[in-house]
Amino acid sequence: MDGRELVEPWIGRYERAWASNDPDDVRALFTEDGEYRFHPWDRPAVGHDAILAAWLDAQDGPDDHTFTWNVVAVHGPTAVVQGRTTYTDGDLYDNLWVIRFAEDGRATSFTEWYMEPPAGDDG
């Protein structure tokens, strides 16, 4: 399978984990030695325990946001996704994700870039 076949179901599972913050939902996203970077310059959280700890440290509430997305590019097992997160408090973030997939559909690597639009620009 290539990234195109894997990205949609993976993002569905990511959104479920984002809403639930359930440890099993988070672990199911990544291989045992998977890497998660909140920013491209970060040292990655590596492995289920480190990813879960980082995830729970930065967790959002279950109903405090909406997320829209589209696939920008796919090359083999790697997908690039552009997204937009809108929080109920009015915060807005544009997201870019690079996800590298294992054959089983879990991520071996996830790196995100997120940024707020300039003041007065709500997209």
C-alpha atoms as a PDB file:
ATOM      1  CA  MET A   1       0.000   0.000   0.000  1.00  0.00           C
ATOM      2  CA  ASP A   2       1.117   3.524  -0.587  1.00  0.00           C
ATOM      3  CA  GLY A   3       0.461   6.626   1.478  1.00  0.00           C
ATOM      4  CA  ARG A   4      -2.652   7.574  -0.502  1.00  0.00           C
ATOM      5  CA  GLU A   5      -4.454   4.384   0.574  1.00  0.00           C
ATOM      6  CA  LEU A   6      -3.309   4.767   4.167  1.00  0.00           C
ATOM      7  CA  VAL A   7      -3.777   8.471   4.893  1.00  0.00           C
ATOM      8  CA  GLU A   8      -7.582   8.730   5.080  1.00  0.00           C
ATOM      9  CA  PRO A   9      -8.114   5.863   7.545  1.00  0.00           C
ATOM     10  CA  TRP A  10      -5.099   7.031   9.579  1.00  0.00           C
ATOM     11  CA  ILE A  11      -6.471  10.574   9.873  1.00  0.00           C
ATOM     12  CA  GLY A  12      -9.818   9.130  10.953  1.00  0.00           C
ATOM     13  CA  ARG A  13      -8.016   7.273  13.744  1.00  0.00           C
ATOM     14  CA  TYR A  14      -5.993  10.410  14.565  1.00  0.00           C
ATOM     15  CA  GLU A  15      -9.179  12.463  14.928  1.00  0.00           C
ATOM     16  CA  ARG A  16     -10.653   9.766  17.199  1.00  0.00           C
ATOM     17  CA  ALA A  17      -7.503   9.837  19.363  1.00  0.00           C
ATOM     18  CA  TRP A  18      -7.510  13.654  19.326  1.00  0.00           C
ATOM     19  CA  ALA A  19     -11.055  13.658  20.702  1.00  0.00           C
ATOM     20  CA  SER A  20     -10.678  10.802  23.169  1.00  0.00           C
ATOM     21  CA  ASN A  21      -7.078  11.147  24.390  1.00  0.00           C
ATOM     22  CA  ASP A  22      -7.446   7.443  25.102  1.00  0.00           C
ATOM     23  CA  PRO A  23      -4.001   5.818  25.400  1.00  0.00           C
ATOM     24  CA  ASP A  24      -5.027   2.852  23.235  1.00  0.00           C
ATOM     25  CA  ASP A  25      -6.278   5.182  20.482  1.00  0.00           C
ATOM     26  CA  VAL A  26      -3.002   7.127  20.543  1.00  0.00           C
ATOM     27  CA  ARG A  27      -0.802   4.019  20.564  1.00  0.00           C
ATOM     28  CA  ALA A  28      -2.760   2.547  17.639  1.00  0.00           C
ATOM     29  CA  LEU A  29      -1.563   5.400  15.424  1.00  0.00           C
ATOM     30  CA  PHE A  30       2.149   4.580  15.643  1.00  0.00           C
ATOM     31  CA  THR A  31       4.541   1.683  15.289  1.00  0.00           C
ATOM     32  CA  GLU A  32       6.263   0.640  18.500  1.00  0.00           C
ATOM     33  CA  ASP A  33       9.355   2.641  17.477  1.00  0.00           C
ATOM     34  CA  GLY A  34       7.381   5.449  15.823  1.00  0.00           C
ATOM     35  CA  GLU A  35       8.489   9.072  16.014  1.00  0.00           C
ATOM     36  CA  TYR A  36       6.326  12.148  16.701  1.00  0.00           C
ATOM     37  CA  ARG A  37       7.511  15.728  16.261  1.00  0.00           C
ATOM     38  CA  PHE A  38       5.264  18.667  17.170  1.00  0.00           C
ATOM     39  CA  HIS A  39       7.631  20.922  15.187  1.00  0.00           C
ATOM     40  CA  PRO A  40      10.159  19.954  12.507  1.00  0.00           C
ATOM     41  CA  TRP A  41      13.073  21.098  14.679  1.00  0.00           C
ATOM     42  CA  ASP A  42      11.993  19.086  17.742  1.00  0.00           C
ATOM     43  CA  ARG A  43      13.792  16.009  18.934  1.00  0.00           C
ATOM     44  CA  PRO A  44      11.135  13.329  18.334  1.00  0.00           C
ATOM     45  CA  ALA A  45       9.152  11.527  20.968  1.00  0.00           C
ATOM     46  CA  VAL A  46      10.102   7.929  20.142  1.00  0.00           C
ATOM     47  CA  GLY A  47       8.009   4.887  20.972  1.00  0.00           C
ATOM     48  CA  HIS A  48       4.530   4.469  22.379  1.00  0.00           C
ATOM     49  CA  ASP A  49       5.288   5.604  25.928  1.00  0.00           C
ATOM     50  CA  ALA A  50       7.079   8.809  24.873  1.00  0.00           C
ATOM     51  CA  ILE A  51       4.486   9.650  22.217  1.00  0.00           C
ATOM     52  CA  LEU A  52       1.623   9.084  24.660  1.00  0.00           C
ATOM     53  CA  ALA A  53       3.270  11.254  27.331  1.00  0.00           C
ATOM     54  CA  ALA A  54       3.858  14.098  24.850  1.00  0.00           C
ATOM     55  CA  TRP A  55       0.333  13.741  23.441  1.00  0.00           C
ATOM     56  CA  LEU A  56      -1.332  13.869  26.861  1.00  0.00           C
ATOM     57  CA  ASP A  57       0.830  16.818  27.902  1.00  0.00           C
ATOM     58  CA  ALA A  58      -0.491  18.817  24.928  1.00  0.00           C
ATOM     59  CA  GLN A  59      -4.004  17.322  24.725  1.00  0.00           C
ATOM     60  CA  ASP A  60      -7.051  19.232  23.555  1.00  0.00           C
ATOM     61  CA  GLY A  61     -10.599  18.759  24.793  1.00  0.00           C
ATOM     62  CA  PRO A  62     -12.898  16.395  22.905  1.00  0.00           C
ATOM     63  CA  ASP A  63     -15.230  19.023  21.461  1.00  0.00           C
ATOM     64  CA  ASP A  64     -13.077  22.145  21.418  1.00  0.00           C
ATOM     65  CA  HIS A  65     -12.107  22.120  17.730  1.00  0.00           C
ATOM     66  CA  THR A  66     -12.942  21.200  14.173  1.00  0.00           C
ATOM     67  CA  PHE A  67     -10.389  19.933  11.685  1.00  0.00           C
ATOM     68  CA  THR A  68     -10.513  19.993   7.892  1.00  0.00           C
ATOM     69  CA  TRP A  69      -7.797  18.576   5.672  1.00  0.00           C
ATOM     70  CA  ASN A  70      -6.687  17.522   2.221  1.00  0.00           C
ATOM     71  CA  VAL A  71      -3.803  15.498   0.828  1.00  0.00           C
ATOM     72  CA  VAL A  72      -1.150  17.688  -0.798  1.00  0.00           C
ATOM     73  CA  ALA A  73       1.263  15.007  -1.987  1.00  0.00           C
ATOM     74  CA  VAL A  74       2.056  11.339  -1.696  1.00  0.00           C
ATOM     75  CA  HIS A  75       5.321   9.626  -2.516  1.00  0.00           C
ATOM     76  CA  GLY A  76       5.450   5.922  -1.716  1.00  0.00           C
ATOM     77  CA  PRO A  77       4.637   5.476   1.976  1.00  0.00           C
ATOM     78  CA  THR A  78       4.899   9.210   2.721  1.00  0.00           C
ATOM     79  CA  ALA A  79       1.953  11.617   2.671  1.00  0.00           C
ATOM     80  CA  VAL A  80       1.822  15.389   3.095  1.00  0.00           C
ATOM     81  CA  VAL A  81      -1.456  16.707   4.493  1.00  0.00           C
ATOM     82  CA  GLN A  82      -2.634  20.310   4.752  1.00  0.00           C
ATOM     83  CA  GLY A  83      -5.156  20.988   7.478  1.00  0.00           C
ATOM     84  CA  ARG A  84      -6.938  23.701   9.363  1.00  0.00           C
ATOM     85  CA  THR A  85      -7.846  23.509  13.037  1.00  0.00           C
ATOM     86  CA  THR A  86     -10.495  25.893  14.318  1.00  0.00           C
ATOM     87  CA  TYR A  87     -11.003  26.004  18.071  1.00  0.00           C
ATOM     88  CA  THR A  88     -14.247  26.978  19.750  1.00  0.00           C
ATOM     89  CA  ASP A  89     -12.426  29.818  21.539  1.00  0.00           C
ATOM     90  CA  GLY A  90     -11.693  31.396  18.127  1.00  0.00           C
ATOM     91  CA  ASP A  91      -8.084  30.245  17.733  1.00  0.00           C
ATOM     92  CA  LEU A  92      -7.230  29.118  14.221  1.00  0.00           C
ATOM     93  CA  TYR A  93      -4.203  27.145  13.023  1.00  0.00           C
ATOM     94  CA  ASP A  94      -3.046  26.062   9.616  1.00  0.00           C
ATOM     95  CA  ASN A  95      -1.315  22.704   9.708  1.00  0.00           C
ATOM     96  CA  LEU A  96       1.079  20.812   7.497  1.00  0.00           C
ATOM     97  CA  TRP A  97       1.768  17.176   8.359  1.00  0.00           C
ATOM     98  CA  VAL A  98       4.342  14.782   6.942  1.00  0.00           C
ATOM     99  CA  ILE A  99       3.394  11.196   7.744  1.00  0.00           C
ATOM    100  CA  ARG A 100       5.508   8.154   6.917  1.00  0.00           C
ATOM    101  CA  PHE A 101       3.567   4.897   7.027  1.00  0.00           C
ATOM    102  CA  ALA A 102       4.431   1.302   7.809  1.00  0.00           C
ATOM    103  CA  GLU A 103       2.807  -1.407   5.690  1.00  0.00           C
ATOM    104  CA  ASP A 104       0.165  -1.980   8.391  1.00  0.00           C
ATOM    105  CA  GLY A 105      -1.094   1.620   8.206  1.00  0.00           C
ATOM    106  CA  ARG A 106       0.501   2.899  11.396  1.00  0.00           C
ATOM    107  CA  ALA A 107       2.856   5.859  11.269  1.00  0.00           C
ATOM    108  CA  THR A 108       6.581   5.327  11.605  1.00  0.00           C
ATOM    109  CA  SER A 109       7.096   9.087  11.631  1.00  0.00           C
ATOM    110  CA  PHE A 110       4.828  12.106  12.057  1.00  0.00           C
ATOM    111  CA  THR A 111       6.022  15.696  11.853  1.00  0.00           C
ATOM    112  CA  GLU A 112       3.724  18.693  12.066  1.00  0.00           C
ATOM    113  CA  TRP A 113       4.022  22.353  11.362  1.00  0.00           C
ATOM    114  CA  TYR A 114       1.271  24.561  12.701  1.00  0.00           C
ATOM    115  CA  MET A 115       0.910  28.296  12.601  1.00  0.00           C
ATOM    116  CA  GLU A 116      -1.606  30.989  13.350  1.00  0.00           C
ATOM    117  CA  PRO A 117      -2.656  33.227  10.468  1.00  0.00           C
ATOM    118  CA  PRO A 118      -1.713  36.901  10.760  1.00  0.00           C
ATOM    119  CA  ALA A 119      -4.056  39.052  12.866  1.00  0.00           C
ATOM    120  CA  GLY A 120      -7.231  39.876  10.968  1.00  0.00           C
ATOM    121  CA  ASP A 121      -6.751  37.036   8.451  1.00  0.00           C
ATOM    122  CA  ASP A 122      -9.145  34.167   9.149  1.00  0.00           C
ATOM    123  CA  GLY A 123      -8.448  32.437   5.879  1.00  0.00           C
END
